[in-house]
Amino acid sequence: MVLGCSAGGVVVALNLGHRQAVLALAHPVTVGQTLMERDLREVSLARGSGLAAISAGSTDRIVGRPAAYTMPKGTLLTESVLGEPQIPPRGKAVVAVGLKEGRFPAGLECGSRVAVVKVPEPEGGTAEPELPDPSSPVWYATVVAVWGKERGETAVVSLQLGEDEAREVAAFPTDSISVLLVRKEVL
């Protein structure tokens, strides 16, 4: 029994010795946001993982720097995710879409992967919108910002997608667009 416990202690000690404390995001941040100490948390990462994560002892040199991307909670910090905003990347564009309540899911947030669909306007003053035409275009985008999701307000959602697709989405009236949550994606 003593031998088993001793061997287990040695294994745990060896494994702990192969870990390092690095910085990760304590909550989501948006592109261009200046990082503060409250935005950071310390996590343990295996040494030799191949990731160039910033060590936990480097908090002072991270605080005050901008985020180059919109990133979800838990993102490990590396030099490549800090600095001048890198949104949109070459070949992509960001379009703002005004969405009324009921035209977007409650869980919509930065980093969400969405499908943007055109919904026909109700005909003849009916209160219920028509179902989308299956042949209508669908554009896939990543949410980079959301404002005004409070009840009763029109939300403004910034979507990143290809330049041509962004022009097409921007050409449709606000009342004719709905957003469906597809899956989360890190930018």
C-alpha atoms as a PDB file:
ATOM      1  CA  MET A   1       0.000   0.000   0.000  1.00  0.00           C
ATOM      2  CA  VAL A   2       2.807   2.391   0.967  1.00  0.00           C
ATOM      3  CA  LEU A   3       4.693   1.525  -2.197  1.00  0.00           C
ATOM      4  CA  GLY A   4       1.585   2.121  -4.352  1.00  0.00           C
ATOM      5  CA  CYS A   5       0.948   5.529  -2.773  1.00  0.00           C
ATOM      6  CA  SER A   6       4.596   6.502  -3.164  1.00  0.00           C
ATOM      7  CA  ALA A   7       4.625   5.518  -6.828  1.00  0.00           C
ATOM      8  CA  GLY A   8       1.395   7.457  -7.402  1.00  0.00           C
ATOM      9  CA  GLY A   9       2.890  10.520  -5.708  1.00  0.00           C
ATOM     10  CA  VAL A  10       5.972  10.339  -7.920  1.00  0.00           C
ATOM     11  CA  VAL A  11       3.810  10.116 -11.083  1.00  0.00           C
ATOM     12  CA  VAL A  12       1.692  13.101 -10.008  1.00  0.00           C
ATOM     13  CA  ALA A  13       4.793  15.139  -9.130  1.00  0.00           C
ATOM     14  CA  LEU A  14       6.410  14.344 -12.480  1.00  0.00           C
ATOM     15  CA  ASN A  15       3.252  15.314 -14.384  1.00  0.00           C
ATOM     16  CA  LEU A  16       2.904  18.566 -12.445  1.00  0.00           C
ATOM     17  CA  GLY A  17       6.520  19.353 -13.229  1.00  0.00           C
ATOM     18  CA  HIS A  18       5.757  19.175 -16.946  1.00  0.00           C
ATOM     19  CA  ARG A  19       3.158  21.928 -16.818  1.00  0.00           C
ATOM     20  CA  GLN A  20       3.482  25.685 -17.048  1.00  0.00           C
ATOM     21  CA  ALA A  21       1.234  28.572 -16.015  1.00  0.00           C
ATOM     22  CA  VAL A  22       0.073  30.615 -19.031  1.00  0.00           C
ATOM     23  CA  LEU A  23      -2.437  33.401 -19.687  1.00  0.00           C
ATOM     24  CA  ALA A  24      -5.927  32.868 -21.082  1.00  0.00           C
ATOM     25  CA  LEU A  25      -8.983  35.099 -21.416  1.00  0.00           C
ATOM     26  CA  ALA A  26     -11.258  35.234 -18.366  1.00  0.00           C
ATOM     27  CA  HIS A  27     -14.207  36.242 -20.572  1.00  0.00           C
ATOM     28  CA  PRO A  28     -14.889  37.063 -24.255  1.00  0.00           C
ATOM     29  CA  VAL A  29     -13.188  40.135 -25.740  1.00  0.00           C
ATOM     30  CA  THR A  30     -13.892  42.017 -28.948  1.00  0.00           C
ATOM     31  CA  VAL A  31     -11.455  43.040 -31.640  1.00  0.00           C
ATOM     32  CA  GLY A  32      -9.574  46.200 -30.675  1.00  0.00           C
ATOM     33  CA  GLN A  33     -10.500  45.937 -26.990  1.00  0.00           C
ATOM     34  CA  THR A  34      -7.673  47.020 -24.678  1.00  0.00           C
ATOM     35  CA  LEU A  35      -6.859  44.146 -22.347  1.00  0.00           C
ATOM     36  CA  MET A  36      -7.022  44.800 -18.616  1.00  0.00           C
ATOM     37  CA  GLU A  37      -5.839  42.585 -15.782  1.00  0.00           C
ATOM     38  CA  ARG A  38      -9.466  41.534 -15.105  1.00  0.00           C
ATOM     39  CA  ASP A  39      -9.614  40.127 -18.694  1.00  0.00           C
ATOM     40  CA  LEU A  40      -6.857  37.607 -17.926  1.00  0.00           C
ATOM     41  CA  ARG A  41      -6.664  34.382 -15.967  1.00  0.00           C
ATOM     42  CA  GLU A  42      -3.955  31.848 -15.308  1.00  0.00           C
ATOM     43  CA  VAL A  43      -4.287  28.306 -16.673  1.00  0.00           C
ATOM     44  CA  SER A  44      -2.013  25.280 -16.682  1.00  0.00           C
ATOM     45  CA  LEU A  45      -0.618  24.034 -19.983  1.00  0.00           C
ATOM     46  CA  ALA A  46       1.579  21.008 -20.699  1.00  0.00           C
ATOM     47  CA  ARG A  47       5.175  21.951 -21.448  1.00  0.00           C
ATOM     48  CA  GLY A  48       6.292  21.104 -24.946  1.00  0.00           C
ATOM     49  CA  SER A  49       2.755  21.405 -26.299  1.00  0.00           C
ATOM     50  CA  GLY A  50       4.021  23.391 -29.266  1.00  0.00           C
ATOM     51  CA  LEU A  51       1.864  26.408 -28.380  1.00  0.00           C
ATOM     52  CA  ALA A  52       3.611  29.737 -27.974  1.00  0.00           C
ATOM     53  CA  ALA A  53       1.349  30.742 -25.072  1.00  0.00           C
ATOM     54  CA  ILE A  54       2.352  33.769 -23.015  1.00  0.00           C
ATOM     55  CA  SER A  55       3.536  32.851 -19.516  1.00  0.00           C
ATOM     56  CA  ALA A  56       1.453  33.880 -16.507  1.00  0.00           C
ATOM     57  CA  GLY A  57       4.336  36.016 -15.246  1.00  0.00           C
ATOM     58  CA  SER A  58       3.969  38.353 -18.250  1.00  0.00           C
ATOM     59  CA  THR A  59       0.701  40.021 -17.206  1.00  0.00           C
ATOM     60  CA  ASP A  60       2.344  43.470 -17.024  1.00  0.00           C
ATOM     61  CA  ARG A  61       3.407  43.404 -20.659  1.00  0.00           C
ATOM     62  CA  ILE A  62      -0.069  42.247 -21.828  1.00  0.00           C
ATOM     63  CA  VAL A  63      -2.220  44.757 -19.931  1.00  0.00           C
ATOM     64  CA  GLY A  64      -2.921  47.787 -22.128  1.00  0.00           C
ATOM     65  CA  ARG A  65      -2.471  45.955 -25.442  1.00  0.00           C
ATOM     66  CA  PRO A  66      -5.366  45.579 -27.900  1.00  0.00           C
ATOM     67  CA  ALA A  67      -6.903  42.292 -29.018  1.00  0.00           C
ATOM     68  CA  ALA A  68      -6.262  41.677 -32.724  1.00  0.00           C
ATOM     69  CA  TYR A  69      -9.373  39.474 -32.975  1.00  0.00           C
ATOM     70  CA  THR A  70     -12.683  38.878 -31.250  1.00  0.00           C
ATOM     71  CA  MET A  71     -12.017  35.884 -29.008  1.00  0.00           C
ATOM     72  CA  PRO A  72     -14.128  33.706 -26.698  1.00  0.00           C
ATOM     73  CA  LYS A  73     -13.514  33.046 -23.011  1.00  0.00           C
ATOM     74  CA  GLY A  74     -10.664  30.602 -22.435  1.00  0.00           C
ATOM     75  CA  THR A  75      -8.591  31.554 -25.500  1.00  0.00           C
ATOM     76  CA  LEU A  76      -4.891  31.055 -24.751  1.00  0.00           C
ATOM     77  CA  LEU A  77      -2.954  34.271 -25.322  1.00  0.00           C
ATOM     78  CA  THR A  78      -0.137  34.295 -27.843  1.00  0.00           C
ATOM     79  CA  GLU A  79       1.628  37.230 -29.463  1.00  0.00           C
ATOM     80  CA  SER A  80      -0.281  36.546 -32.684  1.00  0.00           C
ATOM     81  CA  VAL A  81      -3.683  37.368 -31.107  1.00  0.00           C
ATOM     82  CA  LEU A  82      -2.527  40.743 -29.774  1.00  0.00           C
ATOM     83  CA  GLY A  83      -1.934  44.021 -31.592  1.00  0.00           C
ATOM     84  CA  GLU A  84      -3.633  45.921 -34.387  1.00  0.00           C
ATOM     85  CA  PRO A  85      -7.122  44.667 -35.254  1.00  0.00           C
ATOM     86  CA  GLN A  86      -6.977  41.965 -37.925  1.00  0.00           C
ATOM     87  CA  ILE A  87     -10.677  41.999 -38.804  1.00  0.00           C
ATOM     88  CA  PRO A  88     -11.698  41.639 -41.491  1.00  0.00           C
ATOM     89  CA  PRO A  89      -8.982  39.517 -43.044  1.00  0.00           C
ATOM     90  CA  ARG A  90      -8.141  39.913 -46.727  1.00  0.00           C
ATOM     91  CA  GLY A  91     -11.077  38.825 -48.924  1.00  0.00           C
ATOM     92  CA  LYS A  92     -13.611  39.205 -46.121  1.00  0.00           C
ATOM     93  CA  ALA A  93     -15.901  42.075 -45.112  1.00  0.00           C
ATOM     94  CA  VAL A  94     -17.960  43.009 -42.070  1.00  0.00           C
ATOM     95  CA  VAL A  95     -21.582  44.043 -42.583  1.00  0.00           C
ATOM     96  CA  ALA A  96     -23.958  45.412 -39.929  1.00  0.00           C
ATOM     97  CA  VAL A  97     -27.488  44.017 -39.944  1.00  0.00           C
ATOM     98  CA  GLY A  98     -30.391  45.363 -37.903  1.00  0.00           C
ATOM     99  CA  LEU A  99     -32.494  42.500 -36.574  1.00  0.00           C
ATOM    100  CA  LYS A 100     -35.821  42.763 -34.777  1.00  0.00           C
ATOM    101  CA  GLU A 101     -36.638  40.551 -31.806  1.00  0.00           C
ATOM    102  CA  GLY A 102     -37.526  37.080 -33.031  1.00  0.00           C
ATOM    103  CA  ARG A 103     -35.193  37.285 -36.043  1.00  0.00           C
ATOM    104  CA  PHE A 104     -32.131  36.027 -34.134  1.00  0.00           C
ATOM    105  CA  PRO A 105     -31.551  33.381 -31.408  1.00  0.00           C
ATOM    106  CA  ALA A 106     -31.079  34.318 -27.758  1.00  0.00           C
ATOM    107  CA  GLY A 107     -27.592  32.742 -27.612  1.00  0.00           C
ATOM    108  CA  LEU A 108     -26.136  34.971 -30.328  1.00  0.00           C
ATOM    109  CA  GLU A 109     -22.676  36.273 -29.324  1.00  0.00           C
ATOM    110  CA  CYS A 110     -19.259  37.115 -30.732  1.00  0.00           C
ATOM    111  CA  GLY A 111     -17.734  34.086 -32.422  1.00  0.00           C
ATOM    112  CA  SER A 112     -21.097  32.474 -33.205  1.00  0.00           C
ATOM    113  CA  ARG A 113     -21.300  30.842 -36.617  1.00  0.00           C
ATOM    114  CA  VAL A 114     -24.607  31.787 -38.262  1.00  0.00           C
ATOM    115  CA  ALA A 115     -26.645  31.324 -41.422  1.00  0.00           C
ATOM    116  CA  VAL A 116     -28.250  34.486 -42.788  1.00  0.00           C
ATOM    117  CA  VAL A 117     -31.499  33.866 -44.669  1.00  0.00           C
ATOM    118  CA  LYS A 118     -33.893  36.111 -46.572  1.00  0.00           C
ATOM    119  CA  VAL A 119     -37.448  35.882 -45.264  1.00  0.00           C
ATOM    120  CA  PRO A 120     -40.295  37.144 -47.470  1.00  0.00           C
ATOM    121  CA  GLU A 121     -42.342  40.085 -46.215  1.00  0.00           C
ATOM    122  CA  PRO A 122     -45.896  39.296 -45.078  1.00  0.00           C
ATOM    123  CA  GLU A 123     -48.426  39.865 -47.839  1.00  0.00           C
ATOM    124  CA  GLY A 124     -51.614  41.910 -47.569  1.00  0.00           C
ATOM    125  CA  GLY A 125     -51.047  43.157 -44.025  1.00  0.00           C
ATOM    126  CA  THR A 126     -50.974  39.708 -42.385  1.00  0.00           C
ATOM    127  CA  ALA A 127     -49.116  39.681 -39.098  1.00  0.00           C
ATOM    128  CA  GLU A 128     -47.354  36.370 -39.717  1.00  0.00           C
ATOM    129  CA  PRO A 129     -44.294  36.320 -41.976  1.00  0.00           C
ATOM    130  CA  GLU A 130     -44.187  33.779 -44.764  1.00  0.00           C
ATOM    131  CA  LEU A 131     -41.827  30.815 -44.673  1.00  0.00           C
ATOM    132  CA  PRO A 132     -38.519  31.287 -46.500  1.00  0.00           C
ATOM    133  CA  ASP A 133     -38.372  30.133 -50.089  1.00  0.00           C
ATOM    134  CA  PRO A 134     -36.079  27.053 -50.144  1.00  0.00           C
ATOM    135  CA  SER A 135     -34.375  28.463 -53.243  1.00  0.00           C
ATOM    136  CA  SER A 136     -33.513  31.723 -51.426  1.00  0.00           C
ATOM    137  CA  PRO A 137     -29.820  32.327 -50.863  1.00  0.00           C
ATOM    138  CA  VAL A 138     -28.191  31.432 -47.551  1.00  0.00           C
ATOM    139  CA  TRP A 139     -24.997  33.149 -46.436  1.00  0.00           C
ATOM    140  CA  TYR A 140     -22.745  31.748 -43.715  1.00  0.00           C
ATOM    141  CA  ALA A 141     -21.041  34.273 -41.468  1.00  0.00           C
ATOM    142  CA  THR A 142     -19.276  34.720 -38.139  1.00  0.00           C
ATOM    143  CA  VAL A 143     -20.649  37.218 -35.615  1.00  0.00           C
ATOM    144  CA  VAL A 144     -18.001  39.797 -34.683  1.00  0.00           C
ATOM    145  CA  ALA A 145     -20.200  42.078 -32.524  1.00  0.00           C
ATOM    146  CA  VAL A 146     -23.754  42.323 -31.138  1.00  0.00           C
ATOM    147  CA  TRP A 147     -25.406  45.448 -29.717  1.00  0.00           C
ATOM    148  CA  GLY A 148     -28.888  46.106 -28.322  1.00  0.00           C
ATOM    149  CA  LYS A 149     -30.165  42.569 -27.802  1.00  0.00           C
ATOM    150  CA  GLU A 150     -32.368  43.798 -24.952  1.00  0.00           C
ATOM    151  CA  ARG A 151     -36.054  42.981 -25.215  1.00  0.00           C
ATOM    152  CA  GLY A 152     -37.927  45.131 -27.705  1.00  0.00           C
ATOM    153  CA  GLU A 153     -34.891  46.755 -29.290  1.00  0.00           C
ATOM    154  CA  THR A 154     -33.546  46.233 -32.763  1.00  0.00           C
ATOM    155  CA  ALA A 155     -30.239  44.403 -32.386  1.00  0.00           C
ATOM    156  CA  VAL A 156     -27.307  45.439 -34.531  1.00  0.00           C
ATOM    157  CA  VAL A 157     -25.241  42.409 -35.458  1.00  0.00           C
ATOM    158  CA  SER A 158     -21.897  42.735 -37.232  1.00  0.00           C
ATOM    159  CA  LEU A 159     -21.230  39.744 -39.470  1.00  0.00           C
ATOM    160  CA  GLN A 160     -17.982  38.739 -41.143  1.00  0.00           C
ATOM    161  CA  LEU A 161     -18.286  36.951 -44.474  1.00  0.00           C
ATOM    162  CA  GLY A 162     -16.859  37.099 -47.990  1.00  0.00           C
ATOM    163  CA  GLU A 163     -16.834  40.530 -49.661  1.00  0.00           C
ATOM    164  CA  ASP A 164     -19.375  39.595 -52.357  1.00  0.00           C
ATOM    165  CA  GLU A 165     -21.693  37.938 -49.845  1.00  0.00           C
ATOM    166  CA  ALA A 166     -21.464  40.967 -47.535  1.00  0.00           C
ATOM    167  CA  ARG A 167     -22.606  43.233 -50.401  1.00  0.00           C
ATOM    168  CA  GLU A 168     -25.550  40.922 -51.092  1.00  0.00           C
ATOM    169  CA  VAL A 169     -26.613  40.831 -47.417  1.00  0.00           C
ATOM    170  CA  ALA A 170     -26.273  44.623 -47.145  1.00  0.00           C
ATOM    171  CA  ALA A 171     -28.597  45.083 -50.153  1.00  0.00           C
ATOM    172  CA  PHE A 172     -31.583  43.389 -48.453  1.00  0.00           C
ATOM    173  CA  PRO A 173     -33.984  45.392 -46.266  1.00  0.00           C
ATOM    174  CA  THR A 174     -33.536  44.754 -42.526  1.00  0.00           C
ATOM    175  CA  ASP A 175     -37.063  43.383 -42.148  1.00  0.00           C
ATOM    176  CA  SER A 176     -36.349  40.612 -44.629  1.00  0.00           C
ATOM    177  CA  ILE A 177     -33.365  38.987 -42.878  1.00  0.00           C
ATOM    178  CA  SER A 178     -33.205  36.357 -40.138  1.00  0.00           C
ATOM    179  CA  VAL A 179     -30.135  34.843 -38.516  1.00  0.00           C
ATOM    180  CA  LEU A 180     -29.901  31.200 -37.455  1.00  0.00           C
ATOM    181  CA  LEU A 181     -27.246  29.968 -35.026  1.00  0.00           C
ATOM    182  CA  VAL A 182     -25.280  27.204 -36.762  1.00  0.00           C
ATOM    183  CA  ARG A 183     -22.290  26.509 -34.482  1.00  0.00           C
ATOM    184  CA  LYS A 184     -19.634  28.437 -32.587  1.00  0.00           C
ATOM    185  CA  GLU A 185     -16.370  29.232 -34.269  1.00  0.00           C
ATOM    186  CA  VAL A 186     -13.206  30.951 -33.150  1.00  0.00           C
ATOM    187  CA  LEU A 187     -12.140  33.686 -35.521  1.00  0.00           C
END
